[in-house]
Structures are given as structure tokens and as C-alpha cells.
């Protein structure tokens, strides 16, 4: 399955996969407004054995087939300070 991958100029590390280059007809308008003007990153052939950076190939292929697009967002930022505080808190005894 061939697809086009675009990055968002408004949202860091956010990518939109679509079935055909420059065809955003199946992408909801509110998503396109939030995403901003798409910038083509690459055209790629998706195949089950070919890995993608952060997304599951099968998940991307399924989304493209069912809804015509796949939106890849960055993972949530880890709050290292909060993790450290939790690790320093002594366990409560009953």
C-alpha cells in the first residue's frame, strides 16, 4: 500500500498519513485546521514487514483503509520531577 506522509507546521512531531498525495478529502476539516498546512515528508510503500518509526504498520494500513488517514502524534512528555517525587515518598503503613 502506497501512502503520503505529511508533517504539521503547527504541531511538533505530528504526522498525517493519507492514501494519495495531496488528497485530504477524507480528513475531517477540524483536524486539517488544527494540523495546519501539510508539508510533504515522503511517499512510502507500507508493508507488514517494513517497520515505521513510531507507528505500527498494521495500524496505519487499517486506518488508511477504514478512514482514509492516520494521525501520528508524539508520545506524552514524561514529567521526570513528578516521577522522582513519587519515588521519594515513603510507603504508608496501616
N, C-alpha and C. Protein backbone atom coordinates (compact mmCIF):
# COMPACT_ATOMS: atom_id res chain seq x y z
N UNK A 1 0.85 -1.17 0.00
CA UNK A 1 0.00 0.00 0.00
C UNK A 1 0.90 1.24 0.00
N UNK A 2 0.70 2.10 -0.96
CA UNK A 2 1.46 3.34 -1.08
C UNK A 2 0.74 4.44 -0.30
N UNK A 3 1.49 5.29 0.40
CA UNK A 3 0.86 6.41 1.10
C UNK A 3 1.81 7.61 1.14
N UNK A 4 1.21 8.76 1.42
CA UNK A 4 1.97 10.01 1.55
C UNK A 4 1.98 10.40 3.02
N UNK A 5 3.13 10.90 3.48
CA UNK A 5 3.27 11.31 4.87
C UNK A 5 3.58 12.80 4.90
N UNK A 6 2.81 13.52 5.71
CA UNK A 6 2.96 14.97 5.84
C UNK A 6 3.24 15.32 7.28
N UNK A 7 4.03 16.37 7.50
CA UNK A 7 4.24 16.84 8.86
C UNK A 7 3.49 18.15 9.04
N UNK A 8 3.14 18.39 10.29
CA UNK A 8 2.42 19.61 10.63
C UNK A 8 3.41 20.73 10.90
N UNK A 9 3.09 21.91 10.42
CA UNK A 9 3.91 23.09 10.72
C UNK A 9 3.46 23.73 12.02
N UNK A 10 2.28 23.33 12.51
CA UNK A 10 1.73 23.92 13.73
C UNK A 10 1.99 23.07 14.96
N UNK A 11 2.06 21.76 14.77
CA UNK A 11 2.20 20.82 15.89
C UNK A 11 3.48 20.01 15.72
N UNK A 12 4.41 20.18 16.64
CA UNK A 12 5.70 19.48 16.55
C UNK A 12 5.51 17.97 16.60
N UNK A 13 6.28 17.27 15.79
CA UNK A 13 6.31 15.81 15.76
C UNK A 13 4.94 15.18 15.49
N UNK A 14 4.11 15.86 14.72
CA UNK A 14 2.79 15.36 14.36
C UNK A 14 2.76 15.11 12.86
N UNK A 15 2.34 13.90 12.49
CA UNK A 15 2.37 13.49 11.08
C UNK A 15 1.02 12.95 10.65
N UNK A 16 0.69 13.21 9.40
CA UNK A 16 -0.57 12.77 8.81
C UNK A 16 -0.25 11.87 7.61
N UNK A 17 -0.76 10.65 7.66
CA UNK A 17 -0.60 9.69 6.57
C UNK A 17 -1.91 9.70 5.78
N UNK A 18 -1.82 9.81 4.47
CA UNK A 18 -3.01 9.74 3.61
C UNK A 18 -2.74 8.77 2.47
N UNK A 19 -3.81 8.29 1.87
CA UNK A 19 -3.70 7.27 0.82
C UNK A 19 -3.04 7.78 -0.46
N UNK A 20 -3.35 9.02 -0.83
CA UNK A 20 -2.82 9.57 -2.08
C UNK A 20 -2.22 10.94 -1.81
N UNK A 21 -1.18 11.25 -2.53
CA UNK A 21 -0.51 12.54 -2.37
C UNK A 21 -1.49 13.69 -2.61
N UNK A 22 -1.49 14.63 -1.68
CA UNK A 22 -2.31 15.85 -1.74
C UNK A 22 -3.81 15.59 -1.76
N UNK A 23 -4.25 14.41 -1.35
CA UNK A 23 -5.68 14.12 -1.28
C UNK A 23 -6.10 14.05 0.19
N UNK A 24 -6.67 15.15 0.67
CA UNK A 24 -7.10 15.25 2.06
C UNK A 24 -8.62 15.19 2.17
N UNK A 25 -9.28 14.67 1.14
CA UNK A 25 -10.74 14.66 1.07
C UNK A 25 -11.39 13.84 2.19
N UNK A 26 -10.70 12.85 2.72
CA UNK A 26 -11.28 12.02 3.78
C UNK A 26 -10.85 12.46 5.18
N UNK A 27 -10.03 13.50 5.25
CA UNK A 27 -9.57 14.02 6.55
C UNK A 27 -10.59 15.07 7.02
N UNK A 28 -11.09 14.93 8.25
CA UNK A 28 -12.09 15.90 8.75
C UNK A 28 -11.53 17.34 8.76
N UNK A 29 -12.38 18.29 8.39
CA UNK A 29 -11.98 19.70 8.32
C UNK A 29 -11.40 20.22 9.64
N UNK A 30 -12.01 19.91 10.80
CA UNK A 30 -11.43 20.40 12.06
C UNK A 30 -10.00 19.89 12.29
N UNK A 31 -9.75 18.66 11.89
CA UNK A 31 -8.39 18.11 12.02
C UNK A 31 -7.43 18.87 11.12
N UNK A 32 -7.84 19.15 9.89
CA UNK A 32 -6.98 19.89 8.96
C UNK A 32 -6.69 21.30 9.49
N UNK A 33 -7.67 21.93 10.13
CA UNK A 33 -7.46 23.27 10.69
C UNK A 33 -6.44 23.22 11.81
N UNK A 34 -6.54 22.23 12.67
CA UNK A 34 -5.60 22.08 13.77
C UNK A 34 -4.22 21.70 13.27
N UNK A 35 -4.18 20.83 12.27
CA UNK A 35 -2.91 20.34 11.71
C UNK A 35 -2.16 21.45 10.99
N UNK A 36 -2.88 22.33 10.32
CA UNK A 36 -2.26 23.40 9.56
C UNK A 36 -1.92 22.95 8.15
N UNK A 37 -1.16 23.76 7.44
CA UNK A 37 -0.77 23.44 6.07
C UNK A 37 0.19 22.26 6.08
N UNK A 38 -0.21 21.14 5.48
CA UNK A 38 0.65 19.96 5.48
C UNK A 38 1.90 20.15 4.63
N UNK A 39 3.01 19.63 5.12
CA UNK A 39 4.27 19.68 4.38
C UNK A 39 4.68 18.23 4.08
N UNK A 40 4.75 17.90 2.79
CA UNK A 40 5.09 16.53 2.39
C UNK A 40 6.48 16.16 2.89
N UNK A 41 6.53 15.00 3.56
CA UNK A 41 7.80 14.49 4.07
C UNK A 41 8.31 13.37 3.17
N UNK A 42 7.41 12.44 2.84
CA UNK A 42 7.82 11.33 1.98
C UNK A 42 6.63 10.57 1.44
N UNK A 43 6.89 9.84 0.40
CA UNK A 43 5.97 8.86 -0.15
C UNK A 43 6.60 7.52 0.21
N UNK A 44 5.80 6.60 0.72
CA UNK A 44 6.36 5.32 1.12
C UNK A 44 5.39 4.19 0.83
N UNK A 45 5.94 3.03 0.67
CA UNK A 45 5.13 1.84 0.48
C UNK A 45 5.06 1.12 1.82
N UNK A 46 3.84 0.97 2.32
CA UNK A 46 3.63 0.27 3.58
C UNK A 46 3.54 -1.22 3.32
N UNK A 47 4.25 -1.97 4.12
CA UNK A 47 4.23 -3.43 4.02
C UNK A 47 4.36 -3.99 5.43
N UNK A 48 3.67 -5.09 5.72
CA UNK A 48 3.70 -5.64 7.08
C UNK A 48 5.10 -5.87 7.66
N UNK A 49 6.06 -6.23 6.87
CA UNK A 49 7.40 -6.48 7.38
C UNK A 49 8.29 -5.25 7.45
N UNK A 50 7.82 -4.13 6.93
CA UNK A 50 8.63 -2.90 6.88
C UNK A 50 8.25 -2.00 8.06
N UNK A 51 9.18 -1.79 9.00
CA UNK A 51 8.83 -1.00 10.19
C UNK A 51 8.72 0.50 9.91
N UNK A 52 7.90 1.15 10.73
CA UNK A 52 7.80 2.61 10.72
C UNK A 52 8.42 3.12 12.01
N UNK A 53 8.73 4.39 12.05
CA UNK A 53 9.37 4.97 13.23
C UNK A 53 8.60 4.76 14.52
N UNK A 54 7.42 5.36 14.63
CA UNK A 54 6.68 5.31 15.89
C UNK A 54 5.32 4.63 15.78
N UNK A 55 4.92 4.26 14.62
CA UNK A 55 3.58 3.69 14.44
C UNK A 55 3.66 2.25 13.98
N UNK A 56 2.64 1.50 14.30
CA UNK A 56 2.52 0.13 13.85
C UNK A 56 2.06 0.14 12.39
N UNK A 57 2.76 -0.56 11.52
CA UNK A 57 2.41 -0.60 10.10
C UNK A 57 0.99 -1.11 9.92
N UNK A 58 0.63 -2.15 10.66
CA UNK A 58 -0.72 -2.70 10.51
C UNK A 58 -1.78 -1.70 10.97
N UNK A 59 -1.50 -0.94 12.02
CA UNK A 59 -2.45 0.07 12.49
C UNK A 59 -2.62 1.18 11.45
N UNK A 60 -1.52 1.62 10.86
CA UNK A 60 -1.57 2.67 9.83
C UNK A 60 -2.35 2.18 8.61
N UNK A 61 -2.05 0.96 8.16
CA UNK A 61 -2.73 0.41 7.00
C UNK A 61 -4.23 0.26 7.26
N UNK A 62 -4.59 -0.19 8.45
CA UNK A 62 -6.00 -0.35 8.80
C UNK A 62 -6.71 1.01 8.81
N UNK A 63 -6.08 2.02 9.41
CA UNK A 63 -6.68 3.35 9.46
C UNK A 63 -6.84 3.94 8.07
N UNK A 64 -5.85 3.76 7.22
CA UNK A 64 -5.94 4.28 5.85
C UNK A 64 -7.09 3.61 5.10
N UNK A 65 -7.25 2.32 5.29
CA UNK A 65 -8.33 1.60 4.61
C UNK A 65 -9.71 2.02 5.14
N UNK A 66 -9.84 2.10 6.46
CA UNK A 66 -11.14 2.38 7.06
C UNK A 66 -11.55 3.85 7.01
N UNK A 67 -10.60 4.76 7.31
CA UNK A 67 -10.98 6.17 7.40
C UNK A 67 -10.25 7.07 6.42
N UNK A 68 -9.25 6.54 5.72
CA UNK A 68 -8.57 7.34 4.70
C UNK A 68 -7.40 8.17 5.19
N UNK A 69 -7.09 8.08 6.49
CA UNK A 69 -5.95 8.82 7.03
C UNK A 69 -5.52 8.18 8.35
N UNK A 70 -4.30 8.51 8.76
CA UNK A 70 -3.79 8.10 10.07
C UNK A 70 -3.05 9.30 10.63
N UNK A 71 -3.34 9.67 11.86
CA UNK A 71 -2.68 10.79 12.52
C UNK A 71 -1.73 10.25 13.56
N UNK A 72 -0.45 10.60 13.42
CA UNK A 72 0.57 10.19 14.39
C UNK A 72 0.93 11.40 15.24
N UNK A 73 0.70 11.29 16.53
CA UNK A 73 1.03 12.36 17.46
C UNK A 73 2.19 11.92 18.34
N UNK A 74 2.96 12.88 18.86
CA UNK A 74 4.10 12.49 19.70
C UNK A 74 3.62 11.89 21.02
N UNK A 75 4.46 11.04 21.62
CA UNK A 75 4.08 10.49 22.93
C UNK A 75 4.04 11.60 23.96
N UNK A 76 3.27 11.40 25.04
CA UNK A 76 3.20 12.44 26.06
C UNK A 76 4.58 12.67 26.69
N UNK A 77 4.83 13.90 27.08
CA UNK A 77 6.10 14.25 27.72
C UNK A 77 6.09 13.69 29.14
N UNK A 78 7.18 13.02 29.48
CA UNK A 78 7.29 12.47 30.82
C UNK A 78 7.62 13.58 31.81
N UNK A 79 6.94 13.58 32.93
CA UNK A 79 7.22 14.54 33.98
C UNK A 79 8.21 13.88 34.95
N UNK A 80 9.50 14.09 34.70
CA UNK A 80 10.53 13.43 35.49
C UNK A 80 10.53 13.90 36.94
N UNK A 81 10.20 15.16 37.18
CA UNK A 81 10.15 15.67 38.55
C UNK A 81 9.07 14.93 39.34
N UNK A 82 7.89 14.76 38.73
CA UNK A 82 6.80 14.06 39.41
C UNK A 82 7.19 12.61 39.69
N UNK A 83 7.84 11.96 38.73
CA UNK A 83 8.28 10.58 38.93
C UNK A 83 9.28 10.49 40.08
N UNK A 84 10.18 11.45 40.14
CA UNK A 84 11.18 11.48 41.22
C UNK A 84 10.50 11.67 42.57
N UNK A 85 9.55 12.60 42.65
CA UNK A 85 8.83 12.84 43.91
C UNK A 85 8.10 11.58 44.38
N UNK A 86 7.47 10.89 43.45
CA UNK A 86 6.75 9.66 43.80
C UNK A 86 7.71 8.59 44.31
N UNK A 87 8.88 8.52 43.69
CA UNK A 87 9.87 7.53 44.11
C UNK A 87 10.43 7.85 45.49
N UNK A 88 10.44 9.11 45.89
CA UNK A 88 10.98 9.54 47.18
C UNK A 88 9.96 9.44 48.31
N UNK A 89 8.70 9.31 48.00
CA UNK A 89 7.66 9.24 49.02
C UNK A 89 7.71 7.89 49.72
N UNK A 90 7.85 7.91 51.05
CA UNK A 90 7.90 6.61 51.75
C UNK A 90 6.54 5.93 51.71
N UNK A 91 6.54 4.60 51.66
CA UNK A 91 5.27 3.88 51.62
C UNK A 91 4.50 4.09 52.93
N UNK A 92 3.18 4.19 52.83
CA UNK A 92 2.35 4.39 54.01
C UNK A 92 2.05 3.03 54.64
N UNK A 93 2.11 3.02 55.96
CA UNK A 93 1.79 1.77 56.68
C UNK A 93 0.46 1.93 57.39
N UNK A 94 -0.22 0.82 57.55
CA UNK A 94 -1.55 0.86 58.18
C UNK A 94 -1.47 0.67 59.66
